[in-house]
PDB file of all heavy atoms in Angstrom:
ATOM      1  N   TRP A   1       0.835  -1.201   0.000  1.00  0.00           N
ATOM      2  CA  TRP A   1       0.000   0.000   0.000  1.00  0.00           C
ATOM      3  C   TRP A   1       0.872   1.254   0.000  1.00  0.00           C
ATOM      4  O   TRP A   1       0.659   2.168  -0.779  1.00  0.00           O
ATOM      5  CB  TRP A   1      -0.955  -0.010   1.189  1.00  0.00           C
ATOM      6  CG  TRP A   1      -1.686   1.279   1.362  1.00  0.00           C
ATOM      7  CD1 TRP A   1      -1.497   2.216   2.344  1.00  0.00           C
ATOM      8  CD2 TRP A   1      -2.700   1.822   0.504  1.00  0.00           C
ATOM      9  NE1 TRP A   1      -2.335   3.285   2.154  1.00  0.00           N
ATOM     10  CE2 TRP A   1      -3.076   3.066   1.029  1.00  0.00           C
ATOM     11  CE3 TRP A   1      -3.312   1.369  -0.663  1.00  0.00           C
ATOM     12  CZ2 TRP A   1      -4.048   3.870   0.443  1.00  0.00           C
ATOM     13  CZ3 TRP A   1      -4.282   2.172  -1.253  1.00  0.00           C
ATOM     14  CH2 TRP A   1      -4.642   3.404  -0.705  1.00  0.00           C
ATOM     15  N   GLN A   2       1.861   1.296   0.887  1.00  0.00           N
ATOM     16  CA  GLN A   2       2.737   2.458   0.952  1.00  0.00           C
ATOM     17  C   GLN A   2       3.563   2.594  -0.319  1.00  0.00           C
ATOM     18  O   GLN A   2       3.859   3.699  -0.764  1.00  0.00           O
ATOM     19  CB  GLN A   2       3.639   2.380   2.181  1.00  0.00           C
ATOM     20  CG  GLN A   2       2.863   2.562   3.466  1.00  0.00           C
ATOM     21  CD  GLN A   2       3.693   2.303   4.715  1.00  0.00           C
ATOM     22  OE1 GLN A   2       4.808   1.795   4.626  1.00  0.00           O
ATOM     23  NE2 GLN A   2       3.144   2.640   5.861  1.00  0.00           N
ATOM     24  N   GLY A   3       3.902   1.461  -0.947  1.00  0.00           N
ATOM     25  CA  GLY A   3       4.662   1.485  -2.189  1.00  0.00           C
ATOM     26  C   GLY A   3       3.892   2.078  -3.361  1.00  0.00           C
ATOM     27  O   GLY A   3       4.488   2.563  -4.320  1.00  0.00           O
ATOM     28  N   LEU A   4       2.564   2.065  -3.285  1.00  0.00           N
ATOM     29  CA  LEU A   4       1.760   2.644  -4.367  1.00  0.00           C
ATOM     30  C   LEU A   4       1.870   4.156  -4.403  1.00  0.00           C
ATOM     31  O   LEU A   4       1.715   4.778  -5.451  1.00  0.00           O
ATOM     32  CB  LEU A   4       0.294   2.244  -4.224  1.00  0.00           C
ATOM     33  CG  LEU A   4      -0.047   0.798  -4.482  1.00  0.00           C
ATOM     34  CD1 LEU A   4      -1.550   0.587  -4.354  1.00  0.00           C
ATOM     35  CD2 LEU A   4       0.424   0.356  -5.853  1.00  0.00           C
ATOM     36  N   GLU A   5       2.100   4.771  -3.246  1.00  0.00           N
ATOM     37  CA  GLU A   5       2.240   6.227  -3.136  1.00  0.00           C
ATOM     38  C   GLU A   5       1.066   6.957  -3.777  1.00  0.00           C
ATOM     39  O   GLU A   5       1.236   7.919  -4.521  1.00  0.00           O
ATOM     40  CB  GLU A   5       3.559   6.684  -3.757  1.00  0.00           C
ATOM     41  CG  GLU A   5       4.775   6.062  -3.119  1.00  0.00           C
ATOM     42  CD  GLU A   5       6.064   6.357  -3.850  1.00  0.00           C
ATOM     43  OE1 GLU A   5       6.023   6.951  -4.966  1.00  0.00           O
ATOM     44  OE2 GLU A   5       7.123   6.001  -3.332  1.00  0.00           O
ATOM     45  N   LEU A   6      -0.139   6.507  -3.505  1.00  0.00           N
ATOM     46  CA  LEU A   6      -1.327   7.155  -4.056  1.00  0.00           C
ATOM     47  C   LEU A   6      -1.522   8.520  -3.406  1.00  0.00           C
ATOM     48  O   LEU A   6      -1.316   8.694  -2.210  1.00  0.00           O
ATOM     49  CB  LEU A   6      -2.564   6.285  -3.830  1.00  0.00           C
ATOM     50  CG  LEU A   6      -2.600   4.955  -4.557  1.00  0.00           C
ATOM     51  CD1 LEU A   6      -3.884   4.203  -4.228  1.00  0.00           C
ATOM     52  CD2 LEU A   6      -2.489   5.148  -6.051  1.00  0.00           C
ATOM     53  N   ARG A   7      -1.920   9.466  -4.220  1.00  0.00           N
ATOM     54  CA  ARG A   7      -2.192  10.816  -3.709  1.00  0.00           C
ATOM     55  C   ARG A   7      -3.619  10.846  -3.163  1.00  0.00           C
ATOM     56  O   ARG A   7      -4.581  10.619  -3.891  1.00  0.00           O
ATOM     57  CB  ARG A   7      -2.032  11.841  -4.833  1.00  0.00           C
ATOM     58  CG  ARG A   7      -0.595  12.028  -5.275  1.00  0.00           C
ATOM     59  CD  ARG A   7      -0.471  13.150  -6.288  1.00  0.00           C
ATOM     60  NE  ARG A   7      -1.195  12.893  -7.525  1.00  0.00           N
ATOM     61  CZ  ARG A   7      -0.691  12.276  -8.583  1.00  0.00           C
ATOM     62  NH1 ARG A   7       0.534  11.827  -8.551  1.00  0.00           N
ATOM     63  NH2 ARG A   7      -1.412  12.109  -9.670  1.00  0.00           N
ATOM     64  N   LEU A   8      -3.723  11.130  -1.897  1.00  0.00           N
ATOM     65  CA  LEU A   8      -5.023  11.198  -1.255  1.00  0.00           C
ATOM     66  C   LEU A   8      -5.296  12.619  -0.815  1.00  0.00           C
ATOM     67  O   LEU A   8      -4.383  13.386  -0.529  1.00  0.00           O
ATOM     68  CB  LEU A   8      -5.070  10.250  -0.039  1.00  0.00           C
ATOM     69  CG  LEU A   8      -4.812   8.782  -0.337  1.00  0.00           C
ATOM     70  CD1 LEU A   8      -4.742   7.986   0.953  1.00  0.00           C
ATOM     71  CD2 LEU A   8      -5.897   8.224  -1.238  1.00  0.00           C
ATOM     72  N   ARG A   9      -6.564  12.959  -0.759  1.00  0.00           N
ATOM     73  CA  ARG A   9      -6.986  14.279  -0.297  1.00  0.00           C
ATOM     74  C   ARG A   9      -7.620  14.151   1.079  1.00  0.00           C
ATOM     75  O   ARG A   9      -8.043  13.067   1.488  1.00  0.00           O
ATOM     76  CB  ARG A   9      -7.995  14.879  -1.264  1.00  0.00           C
ATOM     77  CG  ARG A   9      -7.429  15.133  -2.631  1.00  0.00           C
ATOM     78  CD  ARG A   9      -8.468  15.761  -3.525  1.00  0.00           C
ATOM     79  NE  ARG A   9      -7.916  15.943  -4.855  1.00  0.00           N
ATOM     80  CZ  ARG A   9      -8.621  15.979  -5.946  1.00  0.00           C
ATOM     81  NH1 ARG A   9      -9.931  15.841  -5.894  1.00  0.00           N
ATOM     82  NH2 ARG A   9      -8.060  16.156  -7.108  1.00  0.00           N
ATOM     83  N   GLU A  10      -7.729  15.257   1.750  1.00  0.00           N
ATOM     84  CA  GLU A  10      -8.405  15.259   3.036  1.00  0.00           C
ATOM     85  C   GLU A  10      -9.856  14.831   2.814  1.00  0.00           C
ATOM     86  O   GLU A  10     -10.514  15.286   1.890  1.00  0.00           O
ATOM     87  CB  GLU A  10      -8.367  16.656   3.646  1.00  0.00           C
ATOM     88  CG  GLU A  10      -8.887  16.698   5.053  1.00  0.00           C
ATOM     89  CD  GLU A  10      -8.728  18.065   5.680  1.00  0.00           C
ATOM     90  OE1 GLU A  10      -7.839  18.821   5.250  1.00  0.00           O
ATOM     91  OE2 GLU A  10      -9.507  18.374   6.589  1.00  0.00           O
ATOM     92  N   GLY A  11     -10.334  13.967   3.634  1.00  0.00           N
ATOM     93  CA  GLY A  11     -11.697  13.463   3.502  1.00  0.00           C
ATOM     94  C   GLY A  11     -11.785  12.133   2.782  1.00  0.00           C
ATOM     95  O   GLY A  11     -12.816  11.460   2.850  1.00  0.00           O
ATOM     96  N   ASP A  12     -10.722  11.733   2.074  1.00  0.00           N
ATOM     97  CA  ASP A  12     -10.724  10.421   1.431  1.00  0.00           C
ATOM     98  C   ASP A  12     -10.677   9.347   2.515  1.00  0.00           C
ATOM     99  O   ASP A  12     -10.061   9.530   3.569  1.00  0.00           O
ATOM    100  CB  ASP A  12      -9.517  10.263   0.501  1.00  0.00           C
ATOM    101  CG  ASP A  12      -9.635  11.106  -0.756  1.00  0.00           C
ATOM    102  OD1 ASP A  12     -10.738  11.649  -1.015  1.00  0.00           O
ATOM    103  OD2 ASP A  12      -8.630  11.225  -1.485  1.00  0.00           O
ATOM    104  N   ILE A  13     -11.323   8.238   2.242  1.00  0.00           N
ATOM    105  CA  ILE A  13     -11.397   7.144   3.210  1.00  0.00           C
ATOM    106  C   ILE A  13     -10.681   5.933   2.629  1.00  0.00           C
ATOM    107  O   ILE A  13     -10.939   5.538   1.485  1.00  0.00           O
ATOM    108  CB  ILE A  13     -12.868   6.795   3.519  1.00  0.00           C
ATOM    109  CG1 ILE A  13     -13.558   7.991   4.158  1.00  0.00           C
ATOM    110  CG2 ILE A  13     -12.961   5.560   4.399  1.00  0.00           C
ATOM    111  CD1 ILE A  13     -15.049   7.830   4.303  1.00  0.00           C
ATOM    112  N   VAL A  14      -9.784   5.370   3.426  1.00  0.00           N
ATOM    113  CA  VAL A  14      -9.065   4.164   3.026  1.00  0.00           C
ATOM    114  C   VAL A  14      -9.466   3.052   3.984  1.00  0.00           C
ATOM    115  O   VAL A  14      -9.362   3.196   5.196  1.00  0.00           O
ATOM    116  CB  VAL A  14      -7.537   4.375   3.062  1.00  0.00           C
ATOM    117  CG1 VAL A  14      -6.812   3.083   2.707  1.00  0.00           C
ATOM    118  CG2 VAL A  14      -7.126   5.495   2.117  1.00  0.00           C
ATOM    119  N   VAL A  15      -9.951   1.958   3.414  1.00  0.00           N
ATOM    120  CA  VAL A  15     -10.373   0.807   4.211  1.00  0.00           C
ATOM    121  C   VAL A  15      -9.451  -0.357   3.878  1.00  0.00           C
ATOM    122  O   VAL A  15      -9.301  -0.715   2.710  1.00  0.00           O
ATOM    123  CB  VAL A  15     -11.838   0.423   3.912  1.00  0.00           C
ATOM    124  CG1 VAL A  15     -12.251  -0.792   4.722  1.00  0.00           C
ATOM    125  CG2 VAL A  15     -12.767   1.594   4.182  1.00  0.00           C
ATOM    126  N   SER A  16      -8.831  -0.904   4.907  1.00  0.00           N
ATOM    127  CA  SER A  16      -7.952  -2.058   4.732  1.00  0.00           C
ATOM    128  C   SER A  16      -8.299  -3.096   5.780  1.00  0.00           C
ATOM    129  O   SER A  16      -9.207  -2.890   6.591  1.00  0.00           O
ATOM    130  CB  SER A  16      -6.490  -1.629   4.865  1.00  0.00           C
ATOM    131  OG  SER A  16      -6.223  -1.239   6.192  1.00  0.00           O
ATOM    132  N   GLN A  17      -7.550  -4.169   5.774  1.00  0.00           N
ATOM    133  CA  GLN A  17      -7.803  -5.217   6.747  1.00  0.00           C
ATOM    134  C   GLN A  17      -7.510  -4.737   8.171  1.00  0.00           C
ATOM    135  O   GLN A  17      -8.035  -5.288   9.127  1.00  0.00           O
ATOM    136  CB  GLN A  17      -6.987  -6.458   6.406  1.00  0.00           C
ATOM    137  CG  GLN A  17      -7.430  -7.060   5.089  1.00  0.00           C
ATOM    138  CD  GLN A  17      -6.617  -8.260   4.657  1.00  0.00           C
ATOM    139  OE1 GLN A  17      -5.996  -8.925   5.463  1.00  0.00           O
ATOM    140  NE2 GLN A  17      -6.614  -8.536   3.363  1.00  0.00           N
ATOM    141  N   ASP A  18      -6.698  -3.689   8.294  1.00  0.00           N
ATOM    142  CA  ASP A  18      -6.364  -3.134   9.612  1.00  0.00           C
ATOM    143  C   ASP A  18      -7.472  -2.251  10.171  1.00  0.00           C
ATOM    144  O   ASP A  18      -7.598  -2.099  11.381  1.00  0.00           O
ATOM    145  CB  ASP A  18      -5.071  -2.314   9.541  1.00  0.00           C
ATOM    146  CG  ASP A  18      -3.882  -3.181   9.175  1.00  0.00           C
ATOM    147  OD1 ASP A  18      -3.914  -4.394   9.453  1.00  0.00           O
ATOM    148  OD2 ASP A  18      -2.918  -2.646   8.604  1.00  0.00           O
ATOM    149  N   ASN A  19      -8.240  -1.600   9.311  1.00  0.00           N
ATOM    150  CA  ASN A  19      -9.284  -0.677   9.773  1.00  0.00           C
ATOM    151  C   ASN A  19     -10.611  -0.949   9.059  1.00  0.00           C
ATOM    152  O   ASN A  19     -11.244  -0.043   8.553  1.00  0.00           O
ATOM    153  CB  ASN A  19      -8.854   0.780   9.566  1.00  0.00           C
ATOM    154  CG  ASN A  19      -8.729   1.147   8.099  1.00  0.00           C
ATOM    155  OD1 ASN A  19      -8.649   0.287   7.249  1.00  0.00           O
ATOM    156  ND2 ASN A  19      -8.709   2.416   7.818  1.00  0.00           N
ATOM    157  N   ASN A  20     -11.002  -2.189   9.060  1.00  0.00           N
ATOM    158  CA  ASN A  20     -12.218  -2.619   8.373  1.00  0.00           C
ATOM    159  C   ASN A  20     -13.440  -1.870   8.923  1.00  0.00           C
ATOM    160  O   ASN A  20     -13.624  -1.786  10.128  1.00  0.00           O
ATOM    161  CB  ASN A  20     -12.396  -4.124   8.558  1.00  0.00           C
ATOM    162  CG  ASN A  20     -13.486  -4.690   7.690  1.00  0.00           C
ATOM    163  OD1 ASN A  20     -14.111  -3.982   6.911  1.00  0.00           O
ATOM    164  ND2 ASN A  20     -13.722  -5.975   7.825  1.00  0.00           N
ATOM    165  N   CYS A  21     -14.234  -1.277   8.032  1.00  0.00           N
ATOM    166  CA  CYS A  21     -15.443  -0.575   8.456  1.00  0.00           C
ATOM    167  C   CYS A  21     -16.535  -0.749   7.406  1.00  0.00           C
ATOM    168  O   CYS A  21     -16.270  -1.194   6.300  1.00  0.00           O
ATOM    169  CB  CYS A  21     -15.164   0.903   8.706  1.00  0.00           C
ATOM    170  SG  CYS A  21     -14.806   1.854   7.232  1.00  0.00           S
ATOM    171  N   ASP A  22     -17.740  -0.380   7.781  1.00  0.00           N
ATOM    172  CA  ASP A  22     -18.887  -0.462   6.878  1.00  0.00           C
ATOM    173  C   ASP A  22     -18.904   0.804   6.017  1.00  0.00           C
ATOM    174  O   ASP A  22     -19.059   1.908   6.537  1.00  0.00           O
ATOM    175  CB  ASP A  22     -20.169  -0.579   7.701  1.00  0.00           C
ATOM    176  CG  ASP A  22     -21.399  -0.758   6.836  1.00  0.00           C
ATOM    177  OD1 ASP A  22     -21.273  -0.802   5.602  1.00  0.00           O
ATOM    178  OD2 ASP A  22     -22.495  -0.853   7.411  1.00  0.00           O
ATOM    179  N   ILE A  23     -18.747   0.643   4.711  1.00  0.00           N
ATOM    180  CA  ILE A  23     -18.664   1.813   3.832  1.00  0.00           C
ATOM    181  C   ILE A  23     -20.023   2.290   3.355  1.00  0.00           C
ATOM    182  O   ILE A  23     -20.119   3.346   2.731  1.00  0.00           O
ATOM    183  CB  ILE A  23     -17.761   1.536   2.608  1.00  0.00           C
ATOM    184  CG1 ILE A  23     -18.324   0.400   1.747  1.00  0.00           C
ATOM    185  CG2 ILE A  23     -16.341   1.261   3.039  1.00  0.00           C
ATOM    186  CD1 ILE A  23     -17.637   0.234   0.416  1.00  0.00           C
ATOM    187  N   SER A  24     -21.095   1.562   3.654  1.00  0.00           N
ATOM    188  CA  SER A  24     -22.404   1.930   3.104  1.00  0.00           C
ATOM    189  C   SER A  24     -22.849   3.315   3.580  1.00  0.00           C
ATOM    190  O   SER A  24     -23.571   4.003   2.868  1.00  0.00           O
ATOM    191  CB  SER A  24     -23.457   0.882   3.430  1.00  0.00           C
ATOM    192  OG  SER A  24     -23.564   0.683   4.808  1.00  0.00           O
ATOM    193  N   ASP A  25     -22.393   3.760   4.740  1.00  0.00           N
ATOM    194  CA  ASP A  25     -22.751   5.095   5.228  1.00  0.00           C
ATOM    195  C   ASP A  25     -22.031   6.206   4.465  1.00  0.00           C
ATOM    196  O   ASP A  25     -22.480   7.341   4.453  1.00  0.00           O
ATOM    197  CB  ASP A  25     -22.423   5.228   6.716  1.00  0.00           C
ATOM    198  CG  ASP A  25     -23.273   4.314   7.573  1.00  0.00           C
ATOM    199  OD1 ASP A  25     -24.383   3.939   7.128  1.00  0.00           O
ATOM    200  OD2 ASP A  25     -22.833   3.963   8.675  1.00  0.00           O
ATOM    201  N   TYR A  26     -20.915   5.870   3.834  1.00  0.00           N
ATOM    202  CA  TYR A  26     -20.105   6.878   3.157  1.00  0.00           C
ATOM    203  C   TYR A  26     -20.370   6.957   1.660  1.00  0.00           C
ATOM    204  O   TYR A  26     -19.996   7.921   1.016  1.00  0.00           O
ATOM    205  CB  TYR A  26     -18.621   6.603   3.390  1.00  0.00           C
ATOM    206  CG  TYR A  26     -18.247   6.526   4.840  1.00  0.00           C
ATOM    207  CD1 TYR A  26     -17.929   5.325   5.441  1.00  0.00           C
ATOM    208  CD2 TYR A  26     -18.236   7.673   5.623  1.00  0.00           C
ATOM    209  CE1 TYR A  26     -17.595   5.252   6.783  1.00  0.00           C
ATOM    210  CE2 TYR A  26     -17.904   7.610   6.964  1.00  0.00           C
ATOM    211  CZ  TYR A  26     -17.580   6.403   7.533  1.00  0.00           C
ATOM    212  OH  TYR A  26     -17.264   6.335   8.855  1.00  0.00           O
ATOM    213  N   ILE A  27     -20.981   5.928   1.090  1.00  0.00           N
ATOM    214  CA  ILE A  27     -21.178   5.882  -0.358  1.00  0.00           C
ATOM    215  C   ILE A  27     -22.010   7.060  -0.846  1.00  0.00           C
ATOM    216  O   ILE A  27     -21.798   7.565  -1.946  1.00  0.00           O
ATOM    217  CB  ILE A  27     -21.805   4.537  -0.789  1.00  0.00           C
ATOM    218  CG1 ILE A  27     -20.793   3.416  -0.586  1.00  0.00           C
ATOM    219  CG2 ILE A  27     -22.252   4.567  -2.229  1.00  0.00           C
ATOM    220  CD1 ILE A  27     -21.318   2.045  -0.925  1.00  0.00           C
ATOM    221  N   ASP A  28     -22.946   7.530  -0.026  1.00  0.00           N
ATOM    222  CA  ASP A  28     -23.798   8.657  -0.420  1.00  0.00           C
ATOM    223  C   ASP A  28     -23.000   9.872  -0.866  1.00  0.00           C
ATOM    224  O   ASP A  28     -23.438  10.627  -1.724  1.00  0.00           O
ATOM    225  CB  ASP A  28     -24.696   9.087   0.745  1.00  0.00           C
ATOM    226  CG  ASP A  28     -25.888   8.162   0.925  1.00  0.00           C
ATOM    227  OD1 ASP A  28     -26.170   7.386   0.004  1.00  0.00           O
ATOM    228  OD2 ASP A  28     -26.523   8.250   1.978  1.00  0.00           O
ATOM    229  N   ASN A  29     -21.843  10.083  -0.276  1.00  0.00           N
ATOM    230  CA  ASN A  29     -21.083  11.309  -0.519  1.00  0.00           C
ATOM    231  C   ASN A  29     -19.812  11.100  -1.324  1.00  0.00           C
ATOM    232  O   ASN A  29     -19.017  12.025  -1.438  1.00  0.00           O
ATOM    233  CB  ASN A  29     -20.729  11.955   0.821  1.00  0.00           C
ATOM    234  CG  ASN A  29     -21.970  12.332   1.592  1.00  0.00           C
ATOM    235  OD1 ASN A  29     -22.905  12.891   1.033  1.00  0.00           O
ATOM    236  ND2 ASN A  29     -21.995  11.995   2.863  1.00  0.00           N
ATOM    237  N   CYS A  30     -19.603   9.913  -1.857  1.00  0.00           N
ATOM    238  CA  CYS A  30     -18.341   9.693  -2.562  1.00  0.00           C
ATOM    239  C   CYS A  30     -18.490   9.956  -4.055  1.00  0.00           C
ATOM    240  O   CYS A  30     -19.565   9.831  -4.620  1.00  0.00           O
ATOM    241  CB  CYS A  30     -17.805   8.291  -2.290  1.00  0.00           C
ATOM    242  SG  CYS A  30     -18.505   6.971  -3.274  1.00  0.00           S
ATOM    243  N   GLY A  31     -17.378  10.317  -4.658  1.00  0.00           N
ATOM    244  CA  GLY A  31     -17.324  10.498  -6.099  1.00  0.00           C
ATOM    245  C   GLY A  31     -16.735   9.273  -6.781  1.00  0.00           C
ATOM    246  O   GLY A  31     -17.057   8.964  -7.918  1.00  0.00           O
ATOM    247  N   GLN A  32     -15.826   8.597  -6.048  1.00  0.00           N
ATOM    248  CA  GLN A  32     -15.203   7.383  -6.568  1.00  0.00           C
ATOM    249  C   GLN A  32     -15.169   6.331  -5.465  1.00  0.00           C
ATOM    250  O   GLN A  32     -14.802   6.625  -4.328  1.00  0.00           O
ATOM    251  CB  GLN A  32     -13.769   7.642  -7.024  1.00  0.00           C
ATOM    252  CG  GLN A  32     -13.650   8.483  -8.262  1.00  0.00           C
ATOM    253  CD  GLN A  32     -12.193   8.679  -8.667  1.00  0.00           C
ATOM    254  OE1 GLN A  32     -11.284   8.606  -7.860  1.00  0.00           O
ATOM    255  NE2 GLN A  32     -11.990   8.944  -9.944  1.00  0.00           N
ATOM    256  N   LEU A  33     -15.552   5.133  -5.822  1.00  0.00           N
ATOM    257  CA  LEU A  33     -15.448   3.980  -4.940  1.00  0.00           C
ATOM    258  C   LEU A  33     -14.469   3.036  -5.611  1.00  0.00           C
ATOM    259  O   LEU A  33     -14.738   2.520  -6.699  1.00  0.00           O
ATOM    260  CB  LEU A  33     -16.813   3.309  -4.750  1.00  0.00           C
ATOM    261  CG  LEU A  33     -16.854   2.024  -3.939  1.00  0.00           C
ATOM    262  CD1 LEU A  33     -16.312   2.242  -2.527  1.00  0.00           C
ATOM    263  CD2 LEU A  33     -18.273   1.481  -3.872  1.00  0.00           C
ATOM    264  N   VAL A  34     -13.301   2.858  -4.996  1.00  0.00           N
ATOM    265  CA  VAL A  34     -12.202   2.112  -5.614  1.00  0.00           C
ATOM    266  C   VAL A  34     -11.953   0.832  -4.828  1.00  0.00           C
ATOM    267  O   VAL A  34     -11.785   0.871  -3.607  1.00  0.00           O
ATOM    268  CB  VAL A  34     -10.912   2.961  -5.647  1.00  0.00           C
ATOM    269  CG1 VAL A  34      -9.781   2.198  -6.314  1.00  0.00           C
ATOM    270  CG2 VAL A  34     -11.154   4.289  -6.340  1.00  0.00           C
ATOM    271  N   PHE A  35     -11.932  -0.289  -5.536  1.00  0.00           N
ATOM    272  CA  PHE A  35     -11.578  -1.571  -4.941  1.00  0.00           C
ATOM    273  C   PHE A  35     -10.276  -2.039  -5.568  1.00  0.00           C
ATOM    274  O   PHE A  35     -10.173  -2.128  -6.792  1.00  0.00           O
ATOM    275  CB  PHE A  35     -12.658  -2.626  -5.200  1.00  0.00           C
ATOM    276  CG  PHE A  35     -13.950  -2.347  -4.488  1.00  0.00           C
ATOM    277  CD1 PHE A  35     -15.029  -1.825  -5.181  1.00  0.00           C
ATOM    278  CD2 PHE A  35     -14.087  -2.596  -3.135  1.00  0.00           C
ATOM    279  CE1 PHE A  35     -16.227  -1.559  -4.534  1.00  0.00           C
ATOM    280  CE2 PHE A  35     -15.271  -2.328  -2.474  1.00  0.00           C
ATOM    281  CZ  PHE A  35     -16.337  -1.807  -3.171  1.00  0.00           C
ATOM    282  N   ILE A  36      -9.289  -2.302  -4.741  1.00  0.00           N
ATOM    283  CA  ILE A  36      -8.028  -2.890  -5.198  1.00  0.00           C
ATOM    284  C   ILE A  36      -7.979  -4.279  -4.583  1.00  0.00           C
ATOM    285  O   ILE A  36      -7.844  -4.427  -3.373  1.00  0.00           O
ATOM    286  CB  ILE A  36      -6.814  -2.051  -4.763  1.00  0.00           C
ATOM    287  CG1 ILE A  36      -6.936  -0.622  -5.297  1.00  0.00           C
ATOM    288  CG2 ILE A  36      -5.520  -2.700  -5.245  1.00  0.00           C
ATOM    289  CD1 ILE A  36      -5.865   0.332  -4.806  1.00  0.00           C
ATOM    290  N   SER A  37      -8.148  -5.302  -5.425  1.00  0.00           N
ATOM    291  CA  SER A  37      -8.334  -6.656  -4.930  1.00  0.00           C
ATOM    292  C   SER A  37      -7.494  -7.656  -5.706  1.00  0.00           C
ATOM    293  O   SER A  37      -7.403  -7.581  -6.930  1.00  0.00           O
ATOM    294  CB  SER A  37      -9.807  -7.052  -5.052  1.00  0.00           C
ATOM    295  OG  SER A  37     -10.003  -8.400  -4.692  1.00  0.00           O
TER     296      SER A  37
END
């Protein structure tokens, strides 16, 4: 993940196995929903 060096903005949400959360509450306000699998 750190090797990807993705540019993130304030307010962006990153969900990984370390901080697993329910994203359904956030989908209403997102512009992009990205899955890297």
